[in-house]
Protein backbone atom coordinates (compact mmCIF):
# COMPACT_ATOMS: atom_id res chain seq x y z
CA UNK A 1 164.03 168.40 52.54
CA UNK A 2 163.82 169.20 48.84
CA UNK A 3 165.31 166.79 46.36
CA UNK A 4 167.03 168.79 43.66
CA UNK A 5 168.59 167.64 40.43
CA UNK A 6 169.97 169.53 37.46
CA UNK A 7 168.45 169.67 34.07
CA UNK A 8 171.52 167.86 32.74
CA UNK A 9 171.06 165.03 35.29
CA UNK A 10 167.44 164.64 34.14
CA UNK A 11 168.54 164.49 30.54
CA UNK A 12 171.34 162.04 31.09
CA UNK A 13 169.82 159.71 33.72
CA UNK A 14 166.05 159.90 33.42
CA UNK A 15 165.46 156.40 34.90
CA UNK A 16 167.38 157.28 38.09
CA UNK A 17 165.54 160.59 38.42
CA UNK A 18 162.15 158.95 37.98
CA UNK A 19 163.11 156.35 40.64
CA UNK A 20 163.98 159.29 42.93
CA UNK A 21 160.59 160.83 42.21
CA UNK A 22 158.88 157.55 43.11
CA UNK A 23 160.84 157.40 46.33
CA UNK A 24 160.61 161.07 47.37
CA UNK A 25 157.26 161.99 45.80
CA UNK A 26 158.61 165.24 44.34
CA UNK A 27 161.85 166.42 42.76
CA UNK A 28 162.82 169.98 41.78
CA UNK A 29 164.80 170.42 38.55
CA UNK A 30 167.21 173.29 38.44
CA UNK A 31 168.72 175.14 35.50
CA UNK A 32 171.87 177.12 36.17
CA UNK A 33 171.21 176.91 39.89
CA UNK A 34 167.65 178.26 39.63
CA UNK A 35 164.64 176.14 40.54
CA UNK A 36 162.65 175.74 37.31
CA UNK A 37 160.42 172.68 37.38
CA UNK A 38 158.86 170.25 39.88
CA UNK A 39 158.35 166.60 38.93
CA UNK A 40 155.79 164.88 41.15
CA UNK A 41 154.62 161.31 41.49
CA UNK A 42 150.96 160.53 40.82
CA UNK A 43 150.89 157.81 43.47
CA UNK A 44 148.39 158.37 46.28
CA UNK A 45 145.24 160.36 46.39
CA UNK A 46 144.55 163.60 44.56
CA UNK A 47 144.34 165.34 47.92
CA UNK A 48 147.92 164.25 48.72
CA UNK A 49 149.13 165.59 45.31
CA UNK A 50 147.27 168.86 45.77
CA UNK A 51 148.55 169.40 49.32
CA UNK A 52 152.04 170.23 48.00
CA UNK A 53 150.81 172.94 45.67
CA UNK A 54 150.82 176.62 46.66
CA UNK A 55 147.40 178.09 47.36
CA UNK A 56 145.77 174.72 48.10
CA UNK A 57 143.20 174.79 50.92
CA UNK A 58 142.12 171.37 52.16
CA UNK A 59 138.40 170.65 52.69
CA UNK A 60 136.88 171.29 56.09
CA UNK A 61 137.16 168.43 58.56
CA UNK A 62 133.52 168.92 59.56
CA UNK A 63 131.59 170.24 56.51
CA UNK A 64 128.36 172.12 57.03
CA UNK A 65 125.24 169.92 56.76
CA UNK A 66 122.85 170.23 53.83
CA UNK A 67 119.78 172.34 54.57
CA UNK A 68 116.87 170.36 55.99
CA UNK A 69 114.41 171.74 53.45
CA UNK A 70 116.59 170.97 50.44
CA UNK A 71 117.39 173.28 47.63
CA UNK A 72 114.76 174.32 45.12
CA UNK A 73 111.18 173.24 44.82
CA UNK A 74 109.96 169.81 45.92
CA UNK A 75 108.83 167.63 43.06
CA UNK A 76 106.81 164.41 42.95
CA UNK A 77 107.83 161.47 40.81
CA UNK A 78 104.93 162.28 38.46
CA UNK A 79 106.10 165.87 38.07
CA UNK A 80 109.69 164.81 37.45
CA UNK A 81 108.53 162.31 34.79
CA UNK A 82 106.47 165.04 33.08
CA UNK A 83 109.50 167.37 33.02
CA UNK A 84 111.72 164.66 31.57
CA UNK A 85 109.16 163.94 28.86
CA UNK A 86 109.12 167.67 27.94
CA UNK A 87 112.92 167.79 27.86
CA UNK A 88 113.16 164.76 25.60
CA UNK A 89 110.93 166.35 23.04
CA UNK A 90 110.03 164.76 19.69
CA UNK A 91 113.52 163.83 18.51
C-alpha cells in the first residue's frame, strides 16, 4: 500500500506528514493528482533504503570467493617499504 498525501497537506501539516513517513517508511507526494515526489525515512540500513528504488539489484547471497593467487604481483614487506619510501619523496 502506498501512502499518498497532497502537496498542500505537506505544506500545511509537515509534522504529521513526517510522522507518517517515520511510521510507513515512505510517502508519495502528489500535485494535482499526479505522483511527483517520494519522501523516505533514513531509518534502517542503506540496503533497506535502496531496496525501494527502481533499478536496484541486491548483492548476491553467496558472493564469489577471491582468487587463491590474489590480484597483482606478490610483494615482500621490504619491497612494500621501498615503494612507500619512493612515493613519499623528498617533500
